[in-house]
Amino acid sequence: MGDWVMSLAEQLSPPDFDLFMMLCWVIWGARNSRLWNDKSSNPDNFRWKRPPRGQLKLNVDGAWNKELNTGVLVLLFVTARGTLLLLL
């Protein structure tokens, strides 16, 4: 798993890589909180909602193909109007 992280570190700018690592840490923390602290969430909390006016929302998704040893990470930045601002 470390190889793809190192590859990503070489491809991204330092601020973008820092953001990526911070997002991974937040996702891992939420996963552990749910798993180890038995925190359940209402399914309604997982429905996509537009961000408040003047703010952006970041949606993240990814996939990994073990056989091909390759993956993809998608970052979507969306405005309060629901407009796609940036896709990485």
N, C-alpha and C. Protein backbone atom coordinates (compact mmCIF):
# COMPACT_ATOMS: atom_id res chain seq x y z
N MET A 1 0.82 -1.19 0.00
CA MET A 1 0.00 0.00 0.00
C MET A 1 0.86 1.25 0.00
N GLY A 2 2.02 1.19 0.57
CA GLY A 2 2.88 2.36 0.65
C GLY A 2 3.36 2.87 -0.70
N ASP A 3 3.49 1.97 -1.69
CA ASP A 3 3.99 2.38 -3.00
C ASP A 3 3.08 3.41 -3.67
N TRP A 4 1.76 3.19 -3.59
CA TRP A 4 0.86 4.12 -4.27
C TRP A 4 0.84 5.47 -3.55
N VAL A 5 1.06 5.46 -2.23
CA VAL A 5 1.10 6.73 -1.49
C VAL A 5 2.35 7.50 -1.90
N MET A 6 3.47 6.81 -2.00
CA MET A 6 4.71 7.47 -2.42
C MET A 6 4.59 8.00 -3.85
N SER A 7 3.95 7.23 -4.71
CA SER A 7 3.72 7.68 -6.09
C SER A 7 2.86 8.94 -6.11
N LEU A 8 1.83 8.95 -5.27
CA LEU A 8 0.96 10.12 -5.18
C LEU A 8 1.72 11.32 -4.66
N ALA A 9 2.61 11.11 -3.70
CA ALA A 9 3.41 12.20 -3.15
C ALA A 9 4.29 12.83 -4.22
N GLU A 10 4.77 12.03 -5.16
CA GLU A 10 5.60 12.53 -6.24
C GLU A 10 4.78 13.29 -7.29
N GLN A 11 3.51 12.90 -7.47
CA GLN A 11 2.67 13.49 -8.52
C GLN A 11 1.97 14.77 -8.08
N LEU A 12 1.62 14.86 -6.79
CA LEU A 12 0.87 16.02 -6.30
C LEU A 12 1.80 17.10 -5.78
N SER A 13 1.31 18.31 -5.77
CA SER A 13 2.05 19.39 -5.12
C SER A 13 2.03 19.14 -3.61
N PRO A 14 2.99 19.67 -2.87
CA PRO A 14 2.99 19.44 -1.41
C PRO A 14 1.68 19.84 -0.72
N PRO A 15 1.06 21.00 -1.05
CA PRO A 15 -0.22 21.30 -0.39
C PRO A 15 -1.33 20.31 -0.75
N ASP A 16 -1.37 19.85 -2.00
CA ASP A 16 -2.40 18.88 -2.40
C ASP A 16 -2.18 17.54 -1.72
N PHE A 17 -0.93 17.13 -1.60
CA PHE A 17 -0.64 15.87 -0.92
C PHE A 17 -0.99 15.97 0.57
N ASP A 18 -0.69 17.11 1.18
CA ASP A 18 -1.06 17.32 2.59
C ASP A 18 -2.57 17.20 2.76
N LEU A 19 -3.33 17.81 1.86
CA LEU A 19 -4.79 17.74 1.92
C LEU A 19 -5.26 16.30 1.77
N PHE A 20 -4.68 15.59 0.83
CA PHE A 20 -5.04 14.18 0.63
C PHE A 20 -4.80 13.37 1.90
N MET A 21 -3.64 13.54 2.51
CA MET A 21 -3.31 12.78 3.72
C MET A 21 -4.25 13.16 4.88
N MET A 22 -4.59 14.44 4.96
CA MET A 22 -5.51 14.87 6.01
C MET A 22 -6.89 14.23 5.81
N LEU A 23 -7.35 14.18 4.57
CA LEU A 23 -8.63 13.55 4.28
C LEU A 23 -8.61 12.06 4.63
N CYS A 24 -7.52 11.40 4.32
CA CYS A 24 -7.40 9.98 4.67
C CYS A 24 -7.48 9.80 6.19
N TRP A 25 -6.82 10.68 6.92
CA TRP A 25 -6.82 10.60 8.38
C TRP A 25 -8.22 10.81 8.93
N VAL A 26 -8.98 11.78 8.38
CA VAL A 26 -10.35 12.04 8.84
C VAL A 26 -11.25 10.85 8.54
N ILE A 27 -11.14 10.29 7.35
CA ILE A 27 -11.96 9.13 6.97
C ILE A 27 -11.62 7.94 7.87
N TRP A 28 -10.34 7.72 8.12
CA TRP A 28 -9.92 6.61 8.99
C TRP A 28 -10.46 6.82 10.41
N GLY A 29 -10.41 8.05 10.91
CA GLY A 29 -10.92 8.35 12.24
C GLY A 29 -12.41 8.09 12.35
N ALA A 30 -13.17 8.49 11.33
CA ALA A 30 -14.62 8.26 11.34
C ALA A 30 -14.92 6.76 11.28
N ARG A 31 -14.15 6.04 10.51
CA ARG A 31 -14.34 4.59 10.41
C ARG A 31 -14.06 3.93 11.75
N ASN A 32 -12.98 4.32 12.40
CA ASN A 32 -12.64 3.73 13.70
C ASN A 32 -13.66 4.09 14.76
N SER A 33 -14.15 5.31 14.72
CA SER A 33 -15.17 5.73 15.68
C SER A 33 -16.41 4.87 15.55
N ARG A 34 -16.80 4.62 14.34
CA ARG A 34 -17.97 3.78 14.10
C ARG A 34 -17.71 2.34 14.52
N LEU A 35 -16.56 1.83 14.16
CA LEU A 35 -16.23 0.43 14.43
C LEU A 35 -16.00 0.17 15.92
N TRP A 36 -15.21 1.00 16.58
CA TRP A 36 -14.79 0.72 17.95
C TRP A 36 -15.66 1.38 19.00
N ASN A 37 -16.33 2.47 18.67
CA ASN A 37 -17.17 3.16 19.65
C ASN A 37 -18.65 2.91 19.42
N ASP A 38 -18.95 2.03 18.46
CA ASP A 38 -20.33 1.66 18.14
C ASP A 38 -21.20 2.88 17.87
N LYS A 39 -20.64 3.86 17.19
CA LYS A 39 -21.41 5.04 16.81
C LYS A 39 -22.21 4.70 15.57
N SER A 40 -23.53 4.73 15.68
CA SER A 40 -24.35 4.49 14.50
C SER A 40 -24.83 5.83 13.96
N SER A 41 -25.05 5.85 12.69
CA SER A 41 -25.53 7.06 12.05
C SER A 41 -26.85 6.79 11.37
N ASN A 42 -27.66 7.81 11.34
CA ASN A 42 -28.92 7.74 10.62
C ASN A 42 -28.60 7.74 9.13
N PRO A 43 -29.20 6.85 8.33
CA PRO A 43 -28.92 6.83 6.89
C PRO A 43 -29.21 8.16 6.20
N ASP A 44 -30.11 8.97 6.76
CA ASP A 44 -30.39 10.28 6.16
C ASP A 44 -29.16 11.17 6.18
N ASN A 45 -28.26 10.92 7.11
CA ASN A 45 -27.04 11.73 7.19
C ASN A 45 -26.12 11.49 6.01
N PHE A 46 -26.33 10.41 5.27
CA PHE A 46 -25.46 10.08 4.17
C PHE A 46 -26.00 10.56 2.82
N ARG A 47 -27.15 11.17 2.81
CA ARG A 47 -27.68 11.73 1.56
C ARG A 47 -26.93 13.00 1.24
N TRP A 48 -26.66 13.20 -0.05
CA TRP A 48 -25.92 14.38 -0.46
C TRP A 48 -26.78 15.62 -0.28
N LYS A 49 -26.21 16.63 0.30
CA LYS A 49 -26.89 17.91 0.45
C LYS A 49 -25.96 19.00 -0.05
N ARG A 50 -26.54 20.02 -0.63
CA ARG A 50 -25.74 21.14 -1.10
C ARG A 50 -25.12 21.86 0.10
N PRO A 51 -23.94 22.46 -0.11
CA PRO A 51 -23.34 23.22 0.99
C PRO A 51 -24.06 24.55 1.18
N PRO A 52 -23.89 25.18 2.33
CA PRO A 52 -24.48 26.51 2.53
C PRO A 52 -23.90 27.51 1.53
N ARG A 53 -24.65 28.55 1.25
CA ARG A 53 -24.21 29.59 0.31
C ARG A 53 -22.86 30.17 0.77
N GLY A 54 -21.96 30.34 -0.18
CA GLY A 54 -20.64 30.88 0.11
C GLY A 54 -19.62 29.83 0.51
N GLN A 55 -20.04 28.56 0.54
CA GLN A 55 -19.13 27.48 0.90
C GLN A 55 -19.08 26.46 -0.23
N LEU A 56 -18.06 25.63 -0.20
CA LEU A 56 -17.93 24.53 -1.14
C LEU A 56 -18.06 23.22 -0.39
N LYS A 57 -18.48 22.20 -1.10
CA LYS A 57 -18.55 20.86 -0.53
C LYS A 57 -17.57 19.99 -1.30
N LEU A 58 -16.85 19.17 -0.56
CA LEU A 58 -15.91 18.24 -1.16
C LEU A 58 -16.48 16.83 -1.01
N ASN A 59 -16.68 16.15 -2.13
CA ASN A 59 -17.12 14.76 -2.14
C ASN A 59 -15.95 13.92 -2.64
N VAL A 60 -15.69 12.83 -1.95
CA VAL A 60 -14.53 11.98 -2.26
C VAL A 60 -15.00 10.55 -2.50
N ASP A 61 -14.43 9.91 -3.50
CA ASP A 61 -14.70 8.50 -3.74
C ASP A 61 -13.45 7.89 -4.34
N GLY A 62 -13.34 6.60 -4.24
CA GLY A 62 -12.18 5.93 -4.80
C GLY A 62 -12.45 4.46 -5.01
N ALA A 63 -11.58 3.84 -5.75
CA ALA A 63 -11.68 2.40 -6.01
C ALA A 63 -10.28 1.85 -6.23
N TRP A 64 -10.11 0.57 -5.89
CA TRP A 64 -8.82 -0.09 -6.05
C TRP A 64 -9.03 -1.45 -6.70
N ASN A 65 -8.23 -1.75 -7.71
CA ASN A 65 -8.26 -3.05 -8.36
C ASN A 65 -6.99 -3.80 -7.95
N LYS A 66 -7.17 -4.78 -7.07
CA LYS A 66 -6.03 -5.52 -6.53
C LYS A 66 -5.29 -6.29 -7.62
N GLU A 67 -6.03 -6.89 -8.54
CA GLU A 67 -5.40 -7.69 -9.59
C GLU A 67 -4.51 -6.83 -10.49
N LEU A 68 -4.97 -5.64 -10.82
CA LEU A 68 -4.21 -4.76 -11.69
C LEU A 68 -3.27 -3.83 -10.91
N ASN A 69 -3.38 -3.87 -9.57
CA ASN A 69 -2.56 -3.03 -8.72
C ASN A 69 -2.65 -1.55 -9.12
N THR A 70 -3.89 -1.12 -9.31
CA THR A 70 -4.11 0.26 -9.71
C THR A 70 -5.41 0.76 -9.08
N GLY A 71 -5.54 2.05 -9.00
CA GLY A 71 -6.75 2.60 -8.40
C GLY A 71 -7.00 4.00 -8.88
N VAL A 72 -8.07 4.55 -8.36
CA VAL A 72 -8.45 5.91 -8.73
C VAL A 72 -9.04 6.59 -7.49
N LEU A 73 -8.77 7.87 -7.37
CA LEU A 73 -9.34 8.69 -6.32
C LEU A 73 -9.99 9.88 -7.01
N VAL A 74 -11.24 10.17 -6.66
CA VAL A 74 -11.97 11.27 -7.29
C VAL A 74 -12.35 12.28 -6.21
N LEU A 75 -12.04 13.54 -6.46
CA LEU A 75 -12.43 14.64 -5.58
C LEU A 75 -13.35 15.57 -6.37
N LEU A 76 -14.54 15.83 -5.84
CA LEU A 76 -15.49 16.73 -6.49
C LEU A 76 -15.74 17.93 -5.58
N PHE A 77 -15.50 19.11 -6.08
CA PHE A 77 -15.82 20.32 -5.35
C PHE A 77 -17.09 20.91 -5.95
N VAL A 78 -18.12 21.13 -5.11
CA VAL A 78 -19.43 21.55 -5.59
C VAL A 78 -19.85 22.82 -4.87
N THR A 79 -20.49 23.74 -5.61
CA THR A 79 -20.97 25.00 -5.03
C THR A 79 -22.34 24.81 -4.40
N ALA A 80 -22.82 25.85 -3.75
CA ALA A 80 -24.15 25.83 -3.13
C ALA A 80 -25.26 25.66 -4.17
N ARG A 81 -24.99 26.01 -5.40
CA ARG A 81 -25.97 25.84 -6.48
C ARG A 81 -25.95 24.43 -7.05
N GLY A 82 -25.02 23.62 -6.58
CA GLY A 82 -24.91 22.26 -7.10
C GLY A 82 -24.05 22.17 -8.33
N THR A 83 -23.33 23.25 -8.64
CA THR A 83 -22.45 23.28 -9.80
C THR A 83 -21.12 22.63 -9.49
N LEU A 84 -20.65 21.77 -10.38
CA LEU A 84 -19.34 21.15 -10.23
C LEU A 84 -18.29 22.21 -10.51
N LEU A 85 -17.48 22.50 -9.51
CA LEU A 85 -16.47 23.55 -9.65
C LEU A 85 -15.13 22.99 -10.11
N LEU A 86 -14.77 21.84 -9.56
CA LEU A 86 -13.48 21.26 -9.87
C LEU A 86 -13.54 19.76 -9.68
N LEU A 87 -12.97 19.05 -10.60
CA LEU A 87 -12.90 17.59 -10.54
C LEU A 87 -11.43 17.20 -10.62
N LEU A 88 -10.95 16.49 -9.63
CA LEU A 88 -9.54 16.04 -9.63
C LEU A 88 -9.51 14.54 -9.69
